[in-house]
Amino acid sequence: MPIDAVFKALADPTRREILRLLGQRDMTAGEIAAAFDRSPSTISEHLGVLRDAGLVVTERSGTSIVYSLNTAAHEELLAAVMRLLHIGEQVEESRDGSTP
């Protein structure tokens, strides 16, 4: 999972809201678009960014594409952030002259 792509995807409030909605249940692109005051094409672009970042996965159901959270990616993201925070703690400790 490219961490920069994930942070870029999460930087947009609309994409964060899409993730919140998908946390409640799987949804089609049309259902997601109906929850926003945005054009379906704009929501489709947001969904593409989230999919490319690995935050959502898709599954075809008849003629619809159903979006759902990629929970494995969310766990990986949390672990990556925790590693970054741990590195930050080590840097701060070395600046203070203490050792980990």
PDB file of N, CA and C in Angstrom:
ATOM      1  N   MET A   1       0.855  -1.178   0.000  1.00  0.00           N
ATOM      2  CA  MET A   1       0.000   0.000   0.000  1.00  0.00           C
ATOM      3  C   MET A   1       0.896   1.235   0.000  1.00  0.00           C
ATOM      4  N   PRO A   2       0.805   2.068  -1.028  1.00  0.00           N
ATOM      5  CA  PRO A   2       1.623   3.287  -1.089  1.00  0.00           C
ATOM      6  C   PRO A   2       1.113   4.319  -0.074  1.00  0.00           C
ATOM      7  N   ILE A   3       1.890   4.530   0.979  1.00  0.00           N
ATOM      8  CA  ILE A   3       1.447   5.374   2.094  1.00  0.00           C
ATOM      9  C   ILE A   3       1.163   6.805   1.644  1.00  0.00           C
ATOM     10  N   ASP A   4       1.943   7.334   0.692  1.00  0.00           N
ATOM     11  CA  ASP A   4       1.686   8.696   0.210  1.00  0.00           C
ATOM     12  C   ASP A   4       0.320   8.791  -0.466  1.00  0.00           C
ATOM     13  N   ALA A   5      -0.040   7.768  -1.230  1.00  0.00           N
ATOM     14  CA  ALA A   5      -1.354   7.764  -1.888  1.00  0.00           C
ATOM     15  C   ALA A   5      -2.474   7.698  -0.858  1.00  0.00           C
ATOM     16  N   VAL A   6      -2.234   6.967   0.215  1.00  0.00           N
ATOM     17  CA  VAL A   6      -3.245   6.867   1.276  1.00  0.00           C
ATOM     18  C   VAL A   6      -3.443   8.219   1.943  1.00  0.00           C
ATOM     19  N   PHE A   7      -2.348   8.877   2.306  1.00  0.00           N
ATOM     20  CA  PHE A   7      -2.480  10.181   2.959  1.00  0.00           C
ATOM     21  C   PHE A   7      -3.116  11.205   2.025  1.00  0.00           C
ATOM     22  N   LYS A   8      -2.783  11.144   0.733  1.00  0.00           N
ATOM     23  CA  LYS A   8      -3.415  12.042  -0.236  1.00  0.00           C
ATOM     24  C   LYS A   8      -4.918  11.769  -0.296  1.00  0.00           C
ATOM     25  N   ALA A   9      -5.286  10.494  -0.314  1.00  0.00           N
ATOM     26  CA  ALA A   9      -6.705  10.136  -0.363  1.00  0.00           C
ATOM     27  C   ALA A   9      -7.435  10.618   0.878  1.00  0.00           C
ATOM     28  N   LEU A  10      -6.795  10.500   2.029  1.00  0.00           N
ATOM     29  CA  LEU A  10      -7.430  10.897   3.286  1.00  0.00           C
ATOM     30  C   LEU A  10      -7.448  12.407   3.501  1.00  0.00           C
ATOM     31  N   ALA A  11      -6.688  13.143   2.708  1.00  0.00           N
ATOM     32  CA  ALA A  11      -6.612  14.598   2.880  1.00  0.00           C
ATOM     33  C   ALA A  11      -7.903  15.303   2.462  1.00  0.00           C
ATOM     34  N   ASP A  12      -8.721  14.647   1.674  1.00  0.00           N
ATOM     35  CA  ASP A  12      -9.943  15.276   1.169  1.00  0.00           C
ATOM     36  C   ASP A  12     -11.137  14.928   2.058  1.00  0.00           C
ATOM     37  N   PRO A  13     -11.891  15.939   2.529  1.00  0.00           N
ATOM     38  CA  PRO A  13     -13.024  15.661   3.415  1.00  0.00           C
ATOM     39  C   PRO A  13     -14.130  14.824   2.768  1.00  0.00           C
ATOM     40  N   THR A  14     -14.346  14.981   1.476  1.00  0.00           N
ATOM     41  CA  THR A  14     -15.367  14.171   0.807  1.00  0.00           C
ATOM     42  C   THR A  14     -14.975  12.699   0.838  1.00  0.00           C
ATOM     43  N   ARG A  15     -13.707  12.411   0.584  1.00  0.00           N
ATOM     44  CA  ARG A  15     -13.265  11.015   0.608  1.00  0.00           C
ATOM     45  C   ARG A  15     -13.336  10.435   2.017  1.00  0.00           C
ATOM     46  N   ARG A  16     -13.036  11.247   3.022  1.00  0.00           N
ATOM     47  CA  ARG A  16     -13.173  10.760   4.403  1.00  0.00           C
ATOM     48  C   ARG A  16     -14.639  10.453   4.716  1.00  0.00           C
ATOM     49  N   GLU A  17     -15.544  11.274   4.214  1.00  0.00           N
ATOM     50  CA  GLU A  17     -16.974  11.028   4.439  1.00  0.00           C
ATOM     51  C   GLU A  17     -17.430   9.763   3.702  1.00  0.00           C
ATOM     52  N   ILE A  18     -16.908   9.543   2.512  1.00  0.00           N
ATOM     53  CA  ILE A  18     -17.226   8.307   1.789  1.00  0.00           C
ATOM     54  C   ILE A  18     -16.781   7.097   2.612  1.00  0.00           C
ATOM     55  N   LEU A  19     -15.588   7.161   3.185  1.00  0.00           N
ATOM     56  CA  LEU A  19     -15.106   6.050   4.018  1.00  0.00           C
ATOM     57  C   LEU A  19     -16.003   5.853   5.234  1.00  0.00           C
ATOM     58  N   ARG A  20     -16.459   6.961   5.820  1.00  0.00           N
ATOM     59  CA  ARG A  20     -17.358   6.855   6.977  1.00  0.00           C
ATOM     60  C   ARG A  20     -18.656   6.144   6.577  1.00  0.00           C
ATOM     61  N   LEU A  21     -19.207   6.527   5.429  1.00  0.00           N
ATOM     62  CA  LEU A  21     -20.430   5.881   4.939  1.00  0.00           C
ATOM     63  C   LEU A  21     -20.210   4.387   4.698  1.00  0.00           C
ATOM     64  N   LEU A  22     -19.088   4.057   4.087  1.00  0.00           N
ATOM     65  CA  LEU A  22     -18.803   2.650   3.803  1.00  0.00           C
ATOM     66  C   LEU A  22     -18.512   1.867   5.076  1.00  0.00           C
ATOM     67  N   GLY A  23     -18.156   2.562   6.133  1.00  0.00           N
ATOM     68  CA  GLY A  23     -17.977   1.902   7.420  1.00  0.00           C
ATOM     69  C   GLY A  23     -19.297   1.416   7.992  1.00  0.00           C
ATOM     70  N   GLN A  24     -20.395   2.006   7.523  1.00  0.00           N
ATOM     71  CA  GLN A  24     -21.726   1.597   7.983  1.00  0.00           C
ATOM     72  C   GLN A  24     -22.249   0.403   7.187  1.00  0.00           C
ATOM     73  N   ARG A  25     -21.993   0.426   5.867  1.00  0.00           N
ATOM     74  CA  ARG A  25     -22.432  -0.687   5.013  1.00  0.00           C
ATOM     75  C   ARG A  25     -21.813  -0.532   3.631  1.00  0.00           C
ATOM     76  N   ASP A  26     -21.768  -1.631   2.893  1.00  0.00           N
ATOM     77  CA  ASP A  26     -21.323  -1.589   1.508  1.00  0.00           C
ATOM     78  C   ASP A  26     -22.359  -0.819   0.694  1.00  0.00           C
ATOM     79  N   MET A  27     -21.878  -0.084  -0.324  1.00  0.00           N
ATOM     80  CA  MET A  27     -22.783   0.754  -1.111  1.00  0.00           C
ATOM     81  C   MET A  27     -22.362   0.763  -2.573  1.00  0.00           C
ATOM     82  N   THR A  28     -23.338   0.988  -3.452  1.00  0.00           N
ATOM     83  CA  THR A  28     -23.029   1.199  -4.863  1.00  0.00           C
ATOM     84  C   THR A  28     -22.584   2.646  -5.046  1.00  0.00           C
ATOM     85  N   ALA A  29     -21.970   2.914  -6.191  1.00  0.00           N
ATOM     86  CA  ALA A  29     -21.545   4.282  -6.485  1.00  0.00           C
ATOM     87  C   ALA A  29     -22.741   5.229  -6.492  1.00  0.00           C
ATOM     88  N   GLY A  30     -23.869   4.768  -7.017  1.00  0.00           N
ATOM     89  CA  GLY A  30     -25.079   5.593  -7.041  1.00  0.00           C
ATOM     90  C   GLY A  30     -25.575   5.934  -5.649  1.00  0.00           C
ATOM     91  N   GLU A  31     -25.534   4.960  -4.747  1.00  0.00           N
ATOM     92  CA  GLU A  31     -25.955   5.213  -3.365  1.00  0.00           C
ATOM     93  C   GLU A  31     -25.023   6.213  -2.689  1.00  0.00           C
ATOM     94  N   ILE A  32     -23.739   6.080  -2.964  1.00  0.00           N
ATOM     95  CA  ILE A  32     -22.769   7.016  -2.378  1.00  0.00           C
ATOM     96  C   ILE A  32     -23.006   8.415  -2.937  1.00  0.00           C
ATOM     97  N   ALA A  33     -23.178   8.514  -4.248  1.00  0.00           N
ATOM     98  CA  ALA A  33     -23.391   9.819  -4.882  1.00  0.00           C
ATOM     99  C   ALA A  33     -24.650  10.495  -4.353  1.00  0.00           C
ATOM    100  N   ALA A  34     -25.688   9.711  -4.056  1.00  0.00           N
ATOM    101  CA  ALA A  34     -26.942  10.278  -3.554  1.00  0.00           C
ATOM    102  C   ALA A  34     -26.771  10.934  -2.188  1.00  0.00           C
ATOM    103  N   ALA A  35     -25.735  10.563  -1.464  1.00  0.00           N
ATOM    104  CA  ALA A  35     -25.500  11.124  -0.130  1.00  0.00           C
ATOM    105  C   ALA A  35     -24.775  12.468  -0.180  1.00  0.00           C
ATOM    106  N   PHE A  36     -24.374  12.904  -1.371  1.00  0.00           N
ATOM    107  CA  PHE A  36     -23.591  14.133  -1.512  1.00  0.00           C
ATOM    108  C   PHE A  36     -24.251  15.098  -2.482  1.00  0.00           C
ATOM    109  N   ASP A  37     -23.920  16.363  -2.315  1.00  0.00           N
ATOM    110  CA  ASP A  37     -24.361  17.394  -3.253  1.00  0.00           C
ATOM    111  C   ASP A  37     -23.258  17.589  -4.298  1.00  0.00           C
ATOM    112  N   ARG A  38     -22.906  16.484  -4.954  1.00  0.00           N
ATOM    113  CA  ARG A  38     -21.859  16.488  -5.965  1.00  0.00           C
ATOM    114  C   ARG A  38     -22.349  15.657  -7.150  1.00  0.00           C
ATOM    115  N   SER A  39     -21.751  15.890  -8.298  1.00  0.00           N
ATOM    116  CA  SER A  39     -22.140  15.103  -9.473  1.00  0.00           C
ATOM    117  C   SER A  39     -21.635  13.668  -9.326  1.00  0.00           C
ATOM    118  N   PRO A  40     -22.332  12.725  -9.937  1.00  0.00           N
ATOM    119  CA  PRO A  40     -21.864  11.332  -9.892  1.00  0.00           C
ATOM    120  C   PRO A  40     -20.441  11.169 -10.431  1.00  0.00           C
ATOM    121  N   SER A  41     -20.081  11.962 -11.446  1.00  0.00           N
ATOM    122  CA  SER A  41     -18.724  11.838 -11.994  1.00  0.00           C
ATOM    123  C   SER A  41     -17.672  12.290 -10.982  1.00  0.00           C
ATOM    124  N   THR A  42     -17.998  13.317 -10.194  1.00  0.00           N
ATOM    125  CA  THR A  42     -17.070  13.774  -9.155  1.00  0.00           C
ATOM    126  C   THR A  42     -16.902  12.702  -8.089  1.00  0.00           C
ATOM    127  N   ILE A  43     -18.001  12.097  -7.672  1.00  0.00           N
ATOM    128  CA  ILE A  43     -17.936  11.021  -6.674  1.00  0.00           C
ATOM    129  C   ILE A  43     -17.166   9.838  -7.247  1.00  0.00           C
ATOM    130  N   SER A  44     -17.362   9.551  -8.519  1.00  0.00           N
ATOM    131  CA  SER A  44     -16.631   8.466  -9.167  1.00  0.00           C
ATOM    132  C   SER A  44     -15.123   8.716  -9.126  1.00  0.00           C
ATOM    133  N   GLU A  45     -14.721   9.962  -9.342  1.00  0.00           N
ATOM    134  CA  GLU A  45     -13.295  10.307  -9.247  1.00  0.00           C
ATOM    135  C   GLU A  45     -12.779  10.070  -7.834  1.00  0.00           C
ATOM    136  N   HIS A  46     -13.548  10.489  -6.837  1.00  0.00           N
ATOM    137  CA  HIS A  46     -13.152  10.264  -5.444  1.00  0.00           C
ATOM    138  C   HIS A  46     -13.032   8.767  -5.152  1.00  0.00           C
ATOM    139  N   LEU A  47     -13.987   7.985  -5.638  1.00  0.00           N
ATOM    140  CA  LEU A  47     -13.942   6.536  -5.431  1.00  0.00           C
ATOM    141  C   LEU A  47     -12.715   5.924  -6.100  1.00  0.00           C
ATOM    142  N   GLY A  48     -12.344   6.446  -7.250  1.00  0.00           N
ATOM    143  CA  GLY A  48     -11.140   5.967  -7.934  1.00  0.00           C
ATOM    144  C   GLY A  48      -9.884   6.230  -7.125  1.00  0.00           C
ATOM    145  N   VAL A  49      -9.806   7.411  -6.521  1.00  0.00           N
ATOM    146  CA  VAL A  49      -8.648   7.737  -5.677  1.00  0.00           C
ATOM    147  C   VAL A  49      -8.593   6.795  -4.478  1.00  0.00           C
ATOM    148  N   LEU A  50      -9.741   6.566  -3.854  1.00  0.00           N
ATOM    149  CA  LEU A  50      -9.793   5.660  -2.700  1.00  0.00           C
ATOM    150  C   LEU A  50      -9.434   4.230  -3.100  1.00  0.00           C
ATOM    151  N   ARG A  51      -9.905   3.804  -4.258  1.00  0.00           N
ATOM    152  CA  ARG A  51      -9.589   2.454  -4.745  1.00  0.00           C
ATOM    153  C   ARG A  51      -8.098   2.336  -5.071  1.00  0.00           C
ATOM    154  N   ASP A  52      -7.550   3.343  -5.760  1.00  0.00           N
ATOM    155  CA  ASP A  52      -6.129   3.317  -6.116  1.00  0.00           C
ATOM    156  C   ASP A  52      -5.232   3.321  -4.883  1.00  0.00           C
ATOM    157  N   ALA A  53      -5.699   3.957  -3.812  1.00  0.00           N
ATOM    158  CA  ALA A  53      -4.938   3.987  -2.560  1.00  0.00           C
ATOM    159  C   ALA A  53      -5.107   2.691  -1.771  1.00  0.00           C
ATOM    160  N   GLY A  54      -6.020   1.840  -2.222  1.00  0.00           N
ATOM    161  CA  GLY A  54      -6.238   0.570  -1.545  1.00  0.00           C
ATOM    162  C   GLY A  54      -7.165   0.646  -0.352  1.00  0.00           C
ATOM    163  N   LEU A  55      -7.867   1.766  -0.195  1.00  0.00           N
ATOM    164  CA  LEU A  55      -8.740   1.941   0.965  1.00  0.00           C
ATOM    165  C   LEU A  55     -10.121   1.326   0.772  1.00  0.00           C
ATOM    166  N   VAL A  56     -10.537   1.164  -0.484  1.00  0.00           N
ATOM    167  CA  VAL A  56     -11.813   0.509  -0.772  1.00  0.00           C
ATOM    168  C   VAL A  56     -11.589  -0.575  -1.819  1.00  0.00           C
ATOM    169  N   VAL A  57     -12.477  -1.536  -1.810  1.00  0.00           N
ATOM    170  CA  VAL A  57     -12.461  -2.595  -2.819  1.00  0.00           C
ATOM    171  C   VAL A  57     -13.828  -2.626  -3.492  1.00  0.00           C
ATOM    172  N   THR A  58     -13.851  -3.187  -4.688  1.00  0.00           N
ATOM    173  CA  THR A  58     -15.098  -3.246  -5.450  1.00  0.00           C
ATOM    174  C   THR A  58     -15.450  -4.692  -5.772  1.00  0.00           C
ATOM    175  N   GLU A  59     -16.748  -4.883  -5.963  1.00  0.00           N
ATOM    176  CA  GLU A  59     -17.255  -6.193  -6.380  1.00  0.00           C
ATOM    177  C   GLU A  59     -18.463  -5.946  -7.269  1.00  0.00           C
ATOM    178  N   ARG A  60     -18.491  -6.628  -8.386  1.00  0.00           N
ATOM    179  CA  ARG A  60     -19.626  -6.470  -9.299  1.00  0.00           C
ATOM    180  C   ARG A  60     -20.800  -7.291  -8.791  1.00  0.00           C
ATOM    181  N   SER A  61     -21.967  -6.643  -8.765  1.00  0.00           N
ATOM    182  CA  SER A  61     -23.208  -7.317  -8.383  1.00  0.00           C
ATOM    183  C   SER A  61     -24.232  -7.009  -9.470  1.00  0.00           C
ATOM    184  N   GLY A  62     -24.381  -7.913 -10.407  1.00  0.00           N
ATOM    185  CA  GLY A  62     -25.253  -7.650 -11.552  1.00  0.00           C
ATOM    186  C   GLY A  62     -24.651  -6.552 -12.403  1.00  0.00           C
ATOM    187  N   THR A  63     -25.405  -5.468 -12.582  1.00  0.00           N
ATOM    188  CA  THR A  63     -24.899  -4.340 -13.370  1.00  0.00           C
ATOM    189  C   THR A  63     -24.278  -3.260 -12.497  1.00  0.00           C
ATOM    190  N   SER A  64     -24.282  -3.460 -11.192  1.00  0.00           N
ATOM    191  CA  SER A  64     -23.753  -2.455 -10.261  1.00  0.00           C
ATOM    192  C   SER A  64     -22.373  -2.849  -9.755  1.00  0.00           C
ATOM    193  N   ILE A  65     -21.622  -1.847  -9.356  1.00  0.00           N
ATOM    194  CA  ILE A  65     -20.349  -2.065  -8.673  1.00  0.00           C
ATOM    195  C   ILE A  65     -20.555  -1.653  -7.227  1.00  0.00           C
ATOM    196  N   VAL A  66     -20.296  -2.579  -6.330  1.00  0.00           N
ATOM    197  CA  VAL A  66     -20.485  -2.337  -4.900  1.00  0.00           C
ATOM    198  C   VAL A  66     -19.128  -2.034  -4.281  1.00  0.00           C
ATOM    199  N   TYR A  67     -19.080  -0.948  -3.518  1.00  0.00           N
ATOM    200  CA  TYR A  67     -17.857  -0.524  -2.839  1.00  0.00           C
ATOM    201  C   TYR A  67     -17.921  -0.924  -1.374  1.00  0.00           C
ATOM    202  N   SER A  68     -16.789  -1.353  -0.852  1.00  0.00           N
ATOM    203  CA  SER A  68     -16.692  -1.667   0.572  1.00  0.00           C
ATOM    204  C   SER A  68     -15.309  -1.282   1.073  1.00  0.00           C
ATOM    205  N   LEU A  69     -15.207  -1.130   2.392  1.00  0.00           N
ATOM    206  CA  LEU A  69     -13.917  -0.807   2.993  1.00  0.00           C
ATOM    207  C   LEU A  69     -12.962  -1.975   2.834  1.00  0.00           C
ATOM    208  N   ASN A  70     -11.711  -1.657   2.596  1.00  0.00           N
ATOM    209  CA  ASN A  70     -10.660  -2.665   2.587  1.00  0.00           C
ATOM    210  C   ASN A  70     -10.066  -2.670   3.991  1.00  0.00           C
ATOM    211  N   THR A  71     -10.644  -3.468   4.861  1.00  0.00           N
ATOM    212  CA  THR A  71     -10.242  -3.431   6.273  1.00  0.00           C
ATOM    213  C   THR A  71      -8.792  -3.838   6.470  1.00  0.00           C
ATOM    214  N   ALA A  72      -8.275  -4.715   5.630  1.00  0.00           N
ATOM    215  CA  ALA A  72      -6.866  -5.097   5.741  1.00  0.00           C
ATOM    216  C   ALA A  72      -5.973  -3.883   5.502  1.00  0.00           C
ATOM    217  N   ALA A  73      -6.336  -3.046   4.543  1.00  0.00           N
ATOM    218  CA  ALA A  73      -5.548  -1.844   4.265  1.00  0.00           C
ATOM    219  C   ALA A  73      -5.623  -0.865   5.424  1.00  0.00           C
ATOM    220  N   HIS A  74      -6.769  -0.786   6.073  1.00  0.00           N
ATOM    221  CA  HIS A  74      -6.919   0.130   7.202  1.00  0.00           C
ATOM    222  C   HIS A  74      -6.038  -0.319   8.359  1.00  0.00           C
ATOM    223  N   GLU A  75      -5.953  -1.626   8.577  1.00  0.00           N
ATOM    224  CA  GLU A  75      -5.073  -2.148   9.628  1.00  0.00           C
ATOM    225  C   GLU A  75      -3.616  -1.867   9.282  1.00  0.00           C
ATOM    226  N   GLU A  76      -3.257  -2.036   8.004  1.00  0.00           N
ATOM    227  CA  GLU A  76      -1.894  -1.760   7.551  1.00  0.00           C
ATOM    228  C   GLU A  76      -1.571  -0.272   7.708  1.00  0.00           C
ATOM    229  N   LEU A  77      -2.532   0.589   7.397  1.00  0.00           N
ATOM    230  CA  LEU A  77      -2.339   2.029   7.549  1.00  0.00           C
ATOM    231  C   LEU A  77      -2.106   2.391   9.006  1.00  0.00           C
ATOM    232  N   LEU A  78      -2.906   1.839   9.890  1.00  0.00           N
ATOM    233  CA  LEU A  78      -2.742   2.111  11.311  1.00  0.00           C
ATOM    234  C   LEU A  78      -1.364   1.673  11.786  1.00  0.00           C
ATOM    235  N   ALA A  79      -0.912   0.516  11.343  1.00  0.00           N
ATOM    236  CA  ALA A  79       0.417   0.036  11.719  1.00  0.00           C
ATOM    237  C   ALA A  79       1.500   0.971  11.186  1.00  0.00           C
ATOM    238  N   ALA A  80       1.335   1.474   9.961  1.00  0.00           N
ATOM    239  CA  ALA A  80       2.320   2.393   9.382  1.00  0.00           C
ATOM    240  C   ALA A  80       2.372   3.700  10.159  1.00  0.00           C
ATOM    241  N   VAL A  81       1.218   4.211  10.548  1.00  0.00           N
ATOM    242  CA  VAL A  81       1.179   5.446  11.341  1.00  0.00           C
ATOM    243  C   VAL A  81       1.839   5.221  12.697  1.00  0.00           C
ATOM    244  N   MET A  82       1.576   4.080  13.303  1.00  0.00           N
ATOM    245  CA  MET A  82       2.196   3.774  14.594  1.00  0.00           C
ATOM    246  C   MET A  82       3.716   3.705  14.455  1.00  0.00           C
ATOM    247  N   ARG A  83       4.200   3.118  13.355  1.00  0.00           N
ATOM    248  CA  ARG A  83       5.651   3.079  13.129  1.00  0.00           C
ATOM    249  C   ARG A  83       6.200   4.492  12.979  1.00  0.00           C
ATOM    250  N   LEU A  84       5.489   5.346  12.244  1.00  0.00           N
ATOM    251  CA  LEU A  84       5.934   6.733  12.081  1.00  0.00           C
ATOM    252  C   LEU A  84       5.972   7.457  13.417  1.00  0.00           C
ATOM    253  N   LEU A  85       4.964   7.247  14.237  1.00  0.00           N
ATOM    254  CA  LEU A  85       4.934   7.889  15.552  1.00  0.00           C
ATOM    255  C   LEU A  85       6.068   7.385  16.425  1.00  0.00           C
ATOM    256  N   HIS A  86       6.370   6.107  16.345  1.00  0.00           N
ATOM    257  CA  HIS A  86       7.460   5.541  17.136  1.00  0.00           C
ATOM    258  C   HIS A  86       8.790   6.140  16.686  1.00  0.00           C
ATOM    259  N   ILE A  87       8.976   6.282  15.375  1.00  0.00           N
ATOM    260  CA  ILE A  87      10.194   6.910  14.861  1.00  0.00           C
ATOM    261  C   ILE A  87      10.266   8.346  15.344  1.00  0.00           C
ATOM    262  N   GLY A  88       9.124   9.044  15.338  1.00  0.00           N
ATOM    263  CA  GLY A  88       9.086  10.421  15.837  1.00  0.00           C
ATOM    264  C   GLY A  88       9.487  10.499  17.291  1.00  0.00           C
ATOM    265  N   GLU A  89       9.060   9.534  18.092  1.00  0.00           N
ATOM    266  CA  GLU A  89       9.446   9.501  19.506  1.00  0.00           C
ATOM    267  C   GLU A  89      10.944   9.315  19.641  1.00  0.00           C
ATOM    268  N   GLN A  90      11.529   8.449  18.820  1.00  0.00           N
ATOM    269  CA  GLN A  90      12.966   8.213  18.885  1.00  0.00           C
ATOM    270  C   GLN A  90      13.738   9.465  18.498  1.00  0.00           C
ATOM    271  N   VAL A  91      13.280  10.177  17.475  1.00  0.00           N
ATOM    272  CA  VAL A  91      13.940  11.415  17.056  1.00  0.00           C
ATOM    273  C   VAL A  91      13.860  12.445  18.170  1.00  0.00           C
ATOM    274  N   GLU A  92      12.693  12.587  18.781  1.00  0.00           N
ATOM    275  CA  GLU A  92      12.512  13.544  19.870  1.00  0.00           C
ATOM    276  C   GLU A  92      13.412  13.194  21.045  1.00  0.00           C
ATOM    277  N   GLU A  93      13.502  11.911  21.374  1.00  0.00           N
ATOM    278  CA  GLU A  93      14.358  11.490  22.481  1.00  0.00           C
ATOM    279  C   GLU A  93      15.819  11.781  22.177  1.00  0.00           C
ATOM    280  N   SER A  94      16.245  11.585  20.930  1.00  0.00           N
ATOM    281  CA  SER A  94      17.642  11.851  20.589  1.00  0.00           C
ATOM    282  C   SER A  94      17.932  13.346  20.629  1.00  0.00           C
ATOM    283  N   ARG A  95      16.957  14.172  20.320  1.00  0.00           N
ATOM    284  CA  ARG A  95      17.135  15.626  20.428  1.00  0.00           C
ATOM    285  C   ARG A  95      17.267  16.053  21.880  1.00  0.00           C
ATOM    286  N   ASP A  96      16.535  15.359  22.756  1.00  0.00           N
ATOM    287  CA  ASP A  96      16.571  15.676  24.183  1.00  0.00           C
ATOM    288  C   ASP A  96      17.807  15.111  24.864  1.00  0.00           C
ATOM    289  N   GLY A  97      18.542  14.267  24.156  1.00  0.00           N
ATOM    290  CA  GLY A  97      19.730  13.671  24.736  1.00  0.00           C
ATOM    291  C   GLY A  97      19.473  12.382  25.478  1.00  0.00           C
ATOM    292  N   SER A  98      18.217  11.935  25.518  1.00  0.00           N
ATOM    293  CA  SER A  98      17.915  10.664  26.171  1.00  0.00           C
ATOM    294  C   SER A  98      17.950   9.559  25.128  1.00  0.00           C
ATOM    295  N   THR A  99      18.039   8.328  25.574  1.00  0.00           N
ATOM    296  CA  THR A  99      18.064   7.200  24.656  1.00  0.00           C
ATOM    297  C   THR A  99      16.818   6.360  24.853  1.00  0.00           C
ATOM    298  N   PRO A 100      16.374   5.715  23.787  1.00  0.00           N
ATOM    299  CA  PRO A 100      15.157   4.897  23.894  1.00  0.00           C
ATOM    300  C   PRO A 100      15.359   3.660  24.741  1.00  0.00           C
TER     301      PRO A 100
END
